[in-house]
C-alpha atoms as a PDB file:
ATOM      1  CA  GLN A   1       9.141   6.926   7.344  1.00  0.00           C
ATOM      2  CA  HIS A   2       6.825   8.167   4.613  1.00  0.00           C
ATOM      3  CA  SER A   3       6.096   7.057   1.068  1.00  0.00           C
ATOM      4  CA  LEU A   4       4.437   8.296  -2.108  1.00  0.00           C
ATOM      5  CA  PHE A   5       3.348   5.745  -4.697  1.00  0.00           C
ATOM      6  CA  TYR A   6       1.272   5.786  -7.858  1.00  0.00           C
ATOM      7  CA  ILE A   7      -0.339   2.529  -8.932  1.00  0.00           C
ATOM      8  CA  TYR A   8      -1.730   1.983 -12.432  1.00  0.00           C
ATOM      9  CA  THR A   9      -3.754  -1.107 -13.348  1.00  0.00           C
ATOM     10  CA  ALA A  10      -4.955  -2.102 -16.823  1.00  0.00           C
ATOM     11  CA  LEU A  11      -7.186  -5.091 -17.604  1.00  0.00           C
ATOM     12  CA  THR A  12      -8.119  -6.647 -20.928  1.00  0.00           C
ATOM     13  CA  LYS A  13     -11.751  -6.453 -19.825  1.00  0.00           C
ATOM     14  CA  PRO A  14     -13.519  -4.904 -16.842  1.00  0.00           C
ATOM     15  CA  LEU A  15     -14.871  -6.843 -13.876  1.00  0.00           C
ATOM     16  CA  GLU A  16     -17.818  -4.519 -13.455  1.00  0.00           C
ATOM     17  CA  PRO A  17     -19.781  -6.517 -10.857  1.00  0.00           C
ATOM     18  CA  ALA A  18     -16.720  -6.172  -8.624  1.00  0.00           C
ATOM     19  CA  GLY A  19     -16.255  -2.493  -9.512  1.00  0.00           C
ATOM     20  CA  VAL A  20     -12.950  -3.179 -11.266  1.00  0.00           C
ATOM     21  CA  TYR A  21     -12.578  -1.169 -14.463  1.00  0.00           C
ATOM     22  CA  GLU A  22     -10.354  -1.546 -17.521  1.00  0.00           C
ATOM     23  CA  PHE A  23      -7.987   1.118 -16.228  1.00  0.00           C
ATOM     24  CA  THR A  24      -7.443   2.707 -12.830  1.00  0.00           C
ATOM     25  CA  ALA A  25      -4.789   5.029 -11.415  1.00  0.00           C
ATOM     26  CA  LEU A  26      -4.348   5.645  -7.709  1.00  0.00           C
ATOM     27  CA  GLY A  27      -2.043   7.947  -5.747  1.00  0.00           C
ATOM     28  CA  MET A  28      -1.075   6.831  -2.229  1.00  0.00           C
ATOM     29  CA  LEU A  29       0.635   8.903   0.480  1.00  0.00           C
ATOM     30  CA  ASP A  30       1.658   6.438   3.183  1.00  0.00           C
ATOM     31  CA  ASP A  31      -1.556   4.411   3.518  1.00  0.00           C
ATOM     32  CA  ARG A  32      -3.968   7.163   2.429  1.00  0.00           C
ATOM     33  CA  GLU A  33      -5.507   7.620  -1.006  1.00  0.00           C
ATOM     34  CA  LEU A  34      -4.516  10.956  -2.554  1.00  0.00           C
ATOM     35  CA  ASP A  35      -6.229  10.856  -5.915  1.00  0.00           C
ATOM     36  CA  TYR A  36      -8.098   8.480  -8.203  1.00  0.00           C
ATOM     37  CA  TYR A  37      -8.830   8.035 -11.916  1.00  0.00           C
ATOM     38  CA  SER A  38     -10.661   5.278 -13.771  1.00  0.00           C
ATOM     39  CA  SER A  39     -11.809   4.483 -17.291  1.00  0.00           C
ATOM     40  CA  GLU A  40     -15.347   4.612 -15.887  1.00  0.00           C
ATOM     41  CA  THR A  41     -14.854   8.171 -14.560  1.00  0.00           C
ATOM     42  CA  PRO A  42     -11.976   9.576 -16.653  1.00  0.00           C
ATOM     43  CA  THR A  43     -11.127  12.511 -14.398  1.00  0.00           C
ATOM     44  CA  LYS A  44      -8.363  12.730 -11.812  1.00  0.00           C
ATOM     45  CA  ILE A  45     -10.167  13.490  -8.566  1.00  0.00           C
ATOM     46  CA  PRO A  46      -8.888  14.270  -5.034  1.00  0.00           C
ATOM     47  CA  LYS A  47      -9.512  11.731  -2.282  1.00  0.00           C
ATOM     48  CA  GLN A  48      -8.437  14.004   0.581  1.00  0.00           C
ATOM     49  CA  ASP A  49     -10.145  17.287   1.465  1.00  0.00           C
ATOM     50  CA  TRP A  50      -6.794  19.030   1.892  1.00  0.00           C
ATOM     51  CA  MET A  51      -5.751  17.942  -1.612  1.00  0.00           C
ATOM     52  CA  ARG A  52      -8.939  19.491  -2.992  1.00  0.00           C
ATOM     53  CA  GLU A  53      -8.289  22.707  -1.078  1.00  0.00           C
ATOM     54  CA  LYS A  54      -4.541  23.073  -1.643  1.00  0.00           C
ATOM     55  CA  MET A  55      -3.954  21.923  -5.220  1.00  0.00           C
ATOM     56  CA  PRO A  56      -4.910  24.380  -8.008  1.00  0.00           C
ATOM     57  CA  THR A  57      -7.391  23.611 -10.768  1.00  0.00           C
ATOM     58  CA  ASP A  58      -4.707  23.177 -13.422  1.00  0.00           C
ATOM     59  CA  TYR A  59      -3.064  20.450 -11.298  1.00  0.00           C
ATOM     60  CA  TRP A  60      -6.209  18.342 -11.697  1.00  0.00           C
ATOM     61  CA  GLU A  61      -6.651  19.276 -15.364  1.00  0.00           C
ATOM     62  CA  LYS A  62      -3.063  18.353 -16.240  1.00  0.00           C
ATOM     63  CA  GLY A  63      -3.363  15.233 -14.103  1.00  0.00           C
ATOM     64  CA  THR A  64      -6.464  14.166 -16.007  1.00  0.00           C
ATOM     65  CA  GLN A  65      -4.687  14.559 -19.361  1.00  0.00           C
ATOM     66  CA  SER A  66      -1.688  12.635 -18.038  1.00  0.00           C
ATOM     67  CA  ARG A  67      -3.923   9.794 -16.839  1.00  0.00           C
ATOM     68  CA  LYS A  68      -5.735   9.664 -20.189  1.00  0.00           C
ATOM     69  CA  SER A  69      -2.444   9.355 -22.093  1.00  0.00           C
ATOM     70  CA  LYS A  70      -1.264   6.627 -19.709  1.00  0.00           C
ATOM     71  CA  GLU A  71      -4.556   4.796 -20.193  1.00  0.00           C
ATOM     72  CA  GLN A  72      -3.875   4.668 -23.946  1.00  0.00           C
ATOM     73  CA  TRP A  73      -0.239   3.644 -23.358  1.00  0.00           C
ATOM     74  CA  PHE A  74      -1.378   0.762 -21.176  1.00  0.00           C
ATOM     75  CA  LYS A  75      -3.966  -0.359 -23.720  1.00  0.00           C
ATOM     76  CA  VAL A  76      -1.358  -0.538 -26.499  1.00  0.00           C
ATOM     77  CA  ASN A  77       1.340  -2.173 -24.389  1.00  0.00           C
ATOM     78  CA  LEU A  78      -0.964  -4.720 -22.797  1.00  0.00           C
ATOM     79  CA  ASP A  79      -1.868  -5.907 -26.314  1.00  0.00           C
ATOM     80  CA  ILE A  80       1.835  -6.087 -27.239  1.00  0.00           C
ATOM     81  CA  LEU A  81       2.587  -8.058 -24.095  1.00  0.00           C
ATOM     82  CA  ILE A  82      -0.249 -10.526 -24.657  1.00  0.00           C
ATOM     83  CA  ASP A  83       1.081 -11.209 -28.172  1.00  0.00           C
ATOM     84  CA  ARG A  84       4.626 -11.607 -26.868  1.00  0.00           C
ATOM     85  CA  MET A  85       3.477 -14.048 -24.176  1.00  0.00           C
ATOM     86  CA  ARG A  86       1.322 -15.906 -26.746  1.00  0.00           C
ATOM     87  CA  HIS A  87      -1.726 -15.492 -24.549  1.00  0.00           C
ATOM     88  CA  ASN A  88      -5.365 -15.332 -25.607  1.00  0.00           C
ATOM     89  CA  LYS A  89      -6.734 -11.783 -25.779  1.00  0.00           C
ATOM     90  CA  SER A  90     -10.209 -13.006 -24.846  1.00  0.00           C
ATOM     91  CA  ASP A  91      -8.910 -14.089 -21.423  1.00  0.00           C
ATOM     92  CA  LEU A  92      -8.448 -11.738 -18.497  1.00  0.00           C
ATOM     93  CA  HIS A  93      -4.913 -10.310 -18.251  1.00  0.00           C
ATOM     94  CA  VAL A  94      -3.567  -7.554 -16.026  1.00  0.00           C
ATOM     95  CA  LEU A  95      -0.677  -5.112 -16.432  1.00  0.00           C
ATOM     96  CA  GLN A  96       0.329  -3.022 -13.417  1.00  0.00           C
ATOM     97  CA  TRP A  97       2.847  -0.246 -12.866  1.00  0.00           C
ATOM     98  CA  ARG A  98       3.889   1.015  -9.453  1.00  0.00           C
ATOM     99  CA  HIS A  99       6.358   3.813  -8.961  1.00  0.00           C
ATOM    100  CA  GLY A 100       7.283   6.111  -6.108  1.00  0.00           C
ATOM    101  CA  CYS A 101       9.675   6.785  -3.272  1.00  0.00           C
ATOM    102  CA  LYS A 102      10.270   6.327   0.440  1.00  0.00           C
ATOM    103  CA  ILE A 103      11.853   8.861   2.776  1.00  0.00           C
ATOM    104  CA  GLU A 104      12.734   9.181   6.426  1.00  0.00           C
ATOM    105  CA  GLU A 105      12.034  12.329   8.425  1.00  0.00           C
ATOM    106  CA  ASP A 106      13.942  12.980  11.660  1.00  0.00           C
ATOM    107  CA  ALA A 107      12.739  14.948  14.685  1.00  0.00           C
ATOM    108  CA  GLU A 108      14.146  18.193  13.215  1.00  0.00           C
ATOM    109  CA  GLY A 109      12.259  17.672   9.955  1.00  0.00           C
ATOM    110  CA  ASN A 110      15.336  16.708   7.911  1.00  0.00           C
ATOM    111  CA  ILE A 111      14.518  14.443   4.982  1.00  0.00           C
ATOM    112  CA  THR A 112      16.592  11.436   3.912  1.00  0.00           C
ATOM    113  CA  PHE A 113      15.852   9.556   0.675  1.00  0.00           C
ATOM    114  CA  LEU A 114      15.574   5.825   1.390  1.00  0.00           C
ATOM    115  CA  SER A 115      14.553   4.132  -1.852  1.00  0.00           C
ATOM    116  CA  GLY A 116      12.796   4.502  -5.167  1.00  0.00           C
ATOM    117  CA  VAL A 117      10.536   1.950  -6.821  1.00  0.00           C
ATOM    118  CA  ASP A 118       9.575   1.674 -10.491  1.00  0.00           C
ATOM    119  CA  GLU A 119       8.203  -1.750 -11.353  1.00  0.00           C
ATOM    120  CA  TYR A 120       5.829  -3.508 -13.720  1.00  0.00           C
ATOM    121  CA  SER A 121       3.945  -6.749 -13.191  1.00  0.00           C
ATOM    122  CA  TYR A 122       1.963  -8.895 -15.604  1.00  0.00           C
ATOM    123  CA  ASP A 123      -0.828 -11.148 -14.319  1.00  0.00           C
ATOM    124  CA  GLY A 124       0.459 -10.622 -10.788  1.00  0.00           C
ATOM    125  CA  THR A 125       4.055 -11.678 -11.539  1.00  0.00           C
ATOM    126  CA  GLU A 126       7.002  -9.277 -11.507  1.00  0.00           C
ATOM    127  CA  PHE A 127       7.849  -8.379 -15.100  1.00  0.00           C
ATOM    128  CA  LEU A 128      10.293  -5.461 -15.083  1.00  0.00           C
ATOM    129  CA  SER A 129      11.831  -3.278 -12.376  1.00  0.00           C
ATOM    130  CA  PHE A 130      14.248  -0.356 -12.237  1.00  0.00           C
ATOM    131  CA  ASP A 131      17.519  -0.721 -10.330  1.00  0.00           C
ATOM    132  CA  ASP A 132      17.759   2.783  -8.915  1.00  0.00           C
ATOM    133  CA  VAL A 133      21.306   2.311  -7.599  1.00  0.00           C
ATOM    134  CA  ASN A 134      22.791   1.193 -10.933  1.00  0.00           C
ATOM    135  CA  SER A 135      20.332   3.027 -13.228  1.00  0.00           C
ATOM    136  CA  ARG A 136      19.314  -0.014 -15.235  1.00  0.00           C
ATOM    137  CA  TRP A 137      16.278  -2.206 -15.747  1.00  0.00           C
ATOM    138  CA  ILE A 138      15.998  -5.730 -14.363  1.00  0.00           C
ATOM    139  CA  ALA A 139      14.104  -8.365 -16.363  1.00  0.00           C
ATOM    140  CA  PRO A 140      13.264 -11.426 -14.217  1.00  0.00           C
ATOM    141  CA  VAL A 141      11.463 -13.141 -17.122  1.00  0.00           C
ATOM    142  CA  SER A 142      12.644 -13.677 -20.706  1.00  0.00           C
ATOM    143  CA  ALA A 143       9.561 -11.958 -22.156  1.00  0.00           C
ATOM    144  CA  ALA A 144      10.754  -8.705 -20.554  1.00  0.00           C
ATOM    145  CA  GLU A 145      14.226  -8.832 -22.130  1.00  0.00           C
ATOM    146  CA  PRO A 146      13.293  -6.924 -25.337  1.00  0.00           C
ATOM    147  CA  THR A 147      11.814  -4.074 -23.287  1.00  0.00           C
ATOM    148  CA  LYS A 148      14.800  -4.032 -20.927  1.00  0.00           C
ATOM    149  CA  ARG A 149      17.259  -3.774 -23.833  1.00  0.00           C
ATOM    150  CA  LYS A 150      15.218  -1.068 -25.548  1.00  0.00           C
ATOM    151  CA  TRP A 151      14.914   1.068 -22.416  1.00  0.00           C
ATOM    152  CA  ASP A 152      18.510   0.573 -21.277  1.00  0.00           C
ATOM    153  CA  GLU A 153      19.727   1.788 -24.677  1.00  0.00           C
ATOM    154  CA  VAL A 154      18.181   5.197 -23.955  1.00  0.00           C
ATOM    155  CA  ALA A 155      20.488   6.476 -21.218  1.00  0.00           C
ATOM    156  CA  ILE A 156      18.569   9.725 -20.826  1.00  0.00           C
ATOM    157  CA  LEU A 157      15.398   7.750 -20.032  1.00  0.00           C
ATOM    158  CA  ASN A 158      17.142   5.928 -17.192  1.00  0.00           C
ATOM    159  CA  GLN A 159      18.611   9.212 -15.957  1.00  0.00           C
ATOM    160  CA  TYR A 160      15.130  10.728 -15.945  1.00  0.00           C
ATOM    161  CA  THR A 161      13.695   7.731 -14.067  1.00  0.00           C
ATOM    162  CA  LYS A 162      16.426   7.944 -11.421  1.00  0.00           C
ATOM    163  CA  GLY A 163      15.964  11.714 -11.148  1.00  0.00           C
ATOM    164  CA  TYR A 164      12.216  11.367 -10.733  1.00  0.00           C
ATOM    165  CA  LEU A 165      12.513   8.753  -7.991  1.00  0.00           C
ATOM    166  CA  GLU A 166      15.249  10.505  -6.011  1.00  0.00           C
ATOM    167  CA  LYS A 167      14.291  14.159  -6.514  1.00  0.00           C
ATOM    168  CA  GLU A 168      10.923  14.954  -8.095  1.00  0.00           C
ATOM    169  CA  CYS A 169       9.030  12.254  -6.195  1.00  0.00           C
ATOM    170  CA  VAL A 170      10.624  13.368  -2.913  1.00  0.00           C
ATOM    171  CA  ASP A 171       9.695  16.989  -3.668  1.00  0.00           C
ATOM    172  CA  TRP A 172       6.054  16.033  -4.251  1.00  0.00           C
ATOM    173  CA  LEU A 173       6.045  13.830  -1.160  1.00  0.00           C
ATOM    174  CA  THR A 174       7.336  16.591   1.115  1.00  0.00           C
ATOM    175  CA  LYS A 175       4.917  19.094  -0.457  1.00  0.00           C
ATOM    176  CA  PHE A 176       1.943  16.799   0.161  1.00  0.00           C
ATOM    177  CA  MET A 177       3.123  16.139   3.730  1.00  0.00           C
ATOM    178  CA  ASP A 178       3.292  19.882   4.315  1.00  0.00           C
ATOM    179  CA  TYR A 179      -0.171  20.480   2.843  1.00  0.00           C
ATOM    180  CA  GLY A 180      -1.792  17.630   4.771  1.00  0.00           C
ATOM    181  CA  GLN A 181       0.293  17.789   7.919  1.00  0.00           C
ATOM    182  CA  GLU A 182      -2.649  18.340  10.265  1.00  0.00           C
ATOM    183  CA  GLU A 183      -4.474  15.281   8.969  1.00  0.00           C
ATOM    184  CA  LEU A 184      -1.380  13.138   8.400  1.00  0.00           C
ATOM    185  CA  ARG A 185      -0.046  13.690  11.899  1.00  0.00           C
ATOM    186  CA  LYS A 186      -3.384  13.041  13.573  1.00  0.00           C
ATOM    187  CA  TYR A 187      -2.472  10.110  15.798  1.00  0.00           C
ATOM    188  CA  SER A 188      -5.146   7.949  17.419  1.00  0.00           C
ATOM    189  CA  PRO A 189      -4.492   5.483  20.263  1.00  0.00           C
ATOM    190  CA  PRO A 190      -5.908   1.953  20.191  1.00  0.00           C
ATOM    191  CA  GLU A 191      -8.865   0.863  22.274  1.00  0.00           C
ATOM    192  CA  VAL A 192      -8.343  -2.683  23.530  1.00  0.00           C
ATOM    193  CA  HIS A 193     -11.242  -5.101  24.051  1.00  0.00           C
ATOM    194  CA  ARG A 194     -11.320  -8.635  25.460  1.00  0.00           C
ATOM    195  CA  LEU A 195     -13.751 -11.204  24.060  1.00  0.00           C
ATOM    196  CA  ILE A 196     -14.350 -14.767  25.283  1.00  0.00           C
ATOM    197  CA  LYS A 197     -16.492 -17.488  23.736  1.00  0.00           C
ATOM    198  CA  ASN A 198     -16.813 -21.256  24.027  1.00  0.00           C
ATOM    199  CA  SER A 199     -14.457 -23.336  21.922  1.00  0.00           C
ATOM    200  CA  VAL A 200     -15.634 -26.194  19.702  1.00  0.00           C
ATOM    201  CA  THR A 201     -12.490 -28.156  20.597  1.00  0.00           C
ATOM    202  CA  GLY A 202     -13.879 -29.552  23.836  1.00  0.00           C
ATOM    203  CA  HIS A 203     -15.535 -29.060  27.209  1.00  0.00           C
ATOM    204  CA  GLY A 204     -13.843 -26.536  29.459  1.00  0.00           C
ATOM    205  CA  LYS A 205     -12.093 -24.828  26.543  1.00  0.00           C
ATOM    206  CA  LEU A 206     -12.541 -21.181  25.566  1.00  0.00           C
ATOM    207  CA  ILE A 207     -11.411 -18.946  22.719  1.00  0.00           C
ATOM    208  CA  LEU A 208      -9.852 -15.774  24.112  1.00  0.00           C
ATOM    209  CA  THR A 209      -9.627 -12.812  21.720  1.00  0.00           C
ATOM    210  CA  TYR A 210      -8.044  -9.416  22.233  1.00  0.00           C
ATOM    211  CA  MET A 211      -8.923  -6.672  19.767  1.00  0.00           C
ATOM    212  CA  ALA A 212      -7.080  -3.368  19.439  1.00  0.00           C
ATOM    213  CA  THR A 213      -9.049  -0.949  17.275  1.00  0.00           C
ATOM    214  CA  GLY A 214      -9.280   2.708  16.255  1.00  0.00           C
ATOM    215  CA  PHE A 215      -5.528   3.285  16.104  1.00  0.00           C
ATOM    216  CA  TYR A 216      -3.377   5.316  13.714  1.00  0.00           C
ATOM    217  CA  PRO A 217      -0.672   5.016  12.480  1.00  0.00           C
ATOM    218  CA  PRO A 218      -1.025   1.295  11.747  1.00  0.00           C
ATOM    219  CA  ASP A 219       2.208   0.217  13.452  1.00  0.00           C
ATOM    220  CA  VAL A 220       1.182  -1.664  16.590  1.00  0.00           C
ATOM    221  CA  GLN A 221       2.486  -4.624  18.565  1.00  0.00           C
ATOM    222  CA  MET A 222       0.294  -6.939  20.600  1.00  0.00           C
ATOM    223  CA  GLN A 223       1.208  -9.864  22.849  1.00  0.00           C
ATOM    224  CA  VAL A 224      -1.187 -12.247  24.552  1.00  0.00           C
ATOM    225  CA  ARG A 225       0.289 -13.228  27.906  1.00  0.00           C
ATOM    226  CA  LYS A 226      -0.418 -15.802  30.576  1.00  0.00           C
ATOM    227  CA  ILE A 227       0.531 -14.135  33.841  1.00  0.00           C
ATOM    228  CA  THR A 228       3.718 -12.453  32.516  1.00  0.00           C
ATOM    229  CA  THR A 229       4.779 -15.010  29.887  1.00  0.00           C
ATOM    230  CA  PRO A 230       3.989 -14.262  26.211  1.00  0.00           C
ATOM    231  CA  ILE A 231       2.035 -16.993  24.425  1.00  0.00           C
ATOM    232  CA  PRO A 232       4.156 -18.344  21.503  1.00  0.00           C
ATOM    233  CA  GLU A 233       2.996 -16.898  18.171  1.00  0.00           C
ATOM    234  CA  HIS A 234       2.373 -20.353  16.680  1.00  0.00           C
ATOM    235  CA  LEU A 235      -0.356 -20.825  19.300  1.00  0.00           C
ATOM    236  CA  VAL A 236      -1.986 -17.487  18.465  1.00  0.00           C
ATOM    237  CA  THR A 237      -4.258 -16.694  15.521  1.00  0.00           C
ATOM    238  CA  SER A 238      -3.805 -13.144  14.208  1.00  0.00           C
ATOM    239  CA  SER A 239      -6.086 -11.210  11.873  1.00  0.00           C
ATOM    240  CA  GLY A 240      -3.191  -9.036  10.800  1.00  0.00           C
ATOM    241  CA  ILE A 241      -3.532  -5.261  10.851  1.00  0.00           C
ATOM    242  CA  ARG A 242      -6.661  -4.303   8.894  1.00  0.00           C
ATOM    243  CA  PRO A 243      -8.283  -0.973   7.957  1.00  0.00           C
ATOM    244  CA  ASN A 244     -11.514   0.033   9.679  1.00  0.00           C
ATOM    245  CA  GLY A 245     -12.643   2.186   6.773  1.00  0.00           C
ATOM    246  CA  ASP A 246     -12.416   5.462   8.696  1.00  0.00           C
ATOM    247  CA  GLY A 247      -8.649   5.941   8.441  1.00  0.00           C
ATOM    248  CA  THR A 248      -7.924   3.882  11.555  1.00  0.00           C
ATOM    249  CA  TYR A 249      -6.922   0.239  11.976  1.00  0.00           C
ATOM    250  CA  GLN A 250      -7.670  -2.863  13.994  1.00  0.00           C
ATOM    251  CA  LEU A 251      -5.825  -6.022  15.047  1.00  0.00           C
ATOM    252  CA  ARG A 252      -7.242  -9.185  16.604  1.00  0.00           C
ATOM    253  CA  LYS A 253      -5.343 -12.019  18.259  1.00  0.00           C
ATOM    254  CA  SER A 254      -6.973 -15.209  19.547  1.00  0.00           C
ATOM    255  CA  THR A 255      -5.846 -18.319  21.399  1.00  0.00           C
ATOM    256  CA  ASP A 256      -7.449 -21.404  22.951  1.00  0.00           C
ATOM    257  CA  ILE A 257      -7.372 -21.469  26.761  1.00  0.00           C
ATOM    258  CA  ASP A 258      -8.676 -23.547  29.648  1.00  0.00           C
ATOM    259  CA  GLU A 259     -11.750 -22.005  31.247  1.00  0.00           C
ATOM    260  CA  LYS A 260     -10.224 -22.294  34.710  1.00  0.00           C
ATOM    261  CA  ASP A 261      -7.254 -20.128  33.611  1.00  0.00           C
ATOM    262  CA  LYS A 262      -9.190 -17.297  31.952  1.00  0.00           C
ATOM    263  CA  ASP A 263      -8.316 -14.755  34.651  1.00  0.00           C
ATOM    264  CA  LEU A 264      -4.583 -15.416  34.233  1.00  0.00           C
ATOM    265  CA  TYR A 265      -4.426 -13.884  30.731  1.00  0.00           C
ATOM    266  CA  SER A 266      -3.703 -10.322  29.720  1.00  0.00           C
ATOM    267  CA  CYS A 267      -2.812  -8.329  26.630  1.00  0.00           C
ATOM    268  CA  HIS A 268       0.322  -6.212  26.145  1.00  0.00           C
ATOM    269  CA  VAL A 269      -0.001  -3.460  23.497  1.00  0.00           C
ATOM    270  CA  THR A 270       2.666  -1.093  22.184  1.00  0.00           C
ATOM    271  CA  HIS A 271       1.783   1.923  20.014  1.00  0.00           C
ATOM    272  CA  ASN A 272       3.573   5.217  19.471  1.00  0.00           C
ATOM    273  CA  THR A 273       0.661   7.112  21.034  1.00  0.00           C
ATOM    274  CA  PHE A 274       1.575   5.421  24.324  1.00  0.00           C
ATOM    275  CA  ARG A 275       4.452   6.657  26.444  1.00  0.00           C
ATOM    276  CA  LYS A 276       4.790   3.086  27.668  1.00  0.00           C
ATOM    277  CA  PRO A 277       3.081  -0.200  26.718  1.00  0.00           C
ATOM    278  CA  ILE A 278      -0.263  -1.073  28.305  1.00  0.00           C
END
């Protein structure tokens, strides 16, 4: 499966010490940044070398103008929303928009559209989303009802939204996959390390940690086992799959064990770079 999403975030005021600006726009292909724009640096810039090489100059120029117009749209509509919600404009409020599509590619390269997403959130809560199947907007909160009614009254707008999600977005996604295929299909197997340290829970107790790192894509499964029996997940602490910062990922799992049993434990890892689990 592959996905293409664009994420726009507008704030009533920047959080500059944290590097969070009043407006940002980010393109994501699967889990990789494609392009970036911010109110601090108001130019759409490539985040992948192959995007810089493959996309023409006017793509970036038009993209910059599009981002600038969206920045103004967000500024106006965030103010409208704050008034509608009866919130204080001097407080920090956030409006986000995420839209894009997911596809599935089979072994022969045939593409199947899976789903389209077009959704808005306000202060981290879902505000408005597009029902791609029925071509209508869903308003989970009463403050979104006026916008839902207004947008649903314009049938051509909903037709355009559906068309973008199911056709135009998929076209861009497949084009980007073609342009970046060498980088996007660069698989990396996990390296697995075993770490042991004393536990604070008592004498004779150890904390056993297995770390799989350096893998891509991020889909990986890891089981801690005693002899051949998997340790129940509620007895295992997991870091979750996290980025390393170099395009690869890591996963840690830890459990408390008796020191006398430390040689009875092993780790079972499954990743699609392996022909069989290790």
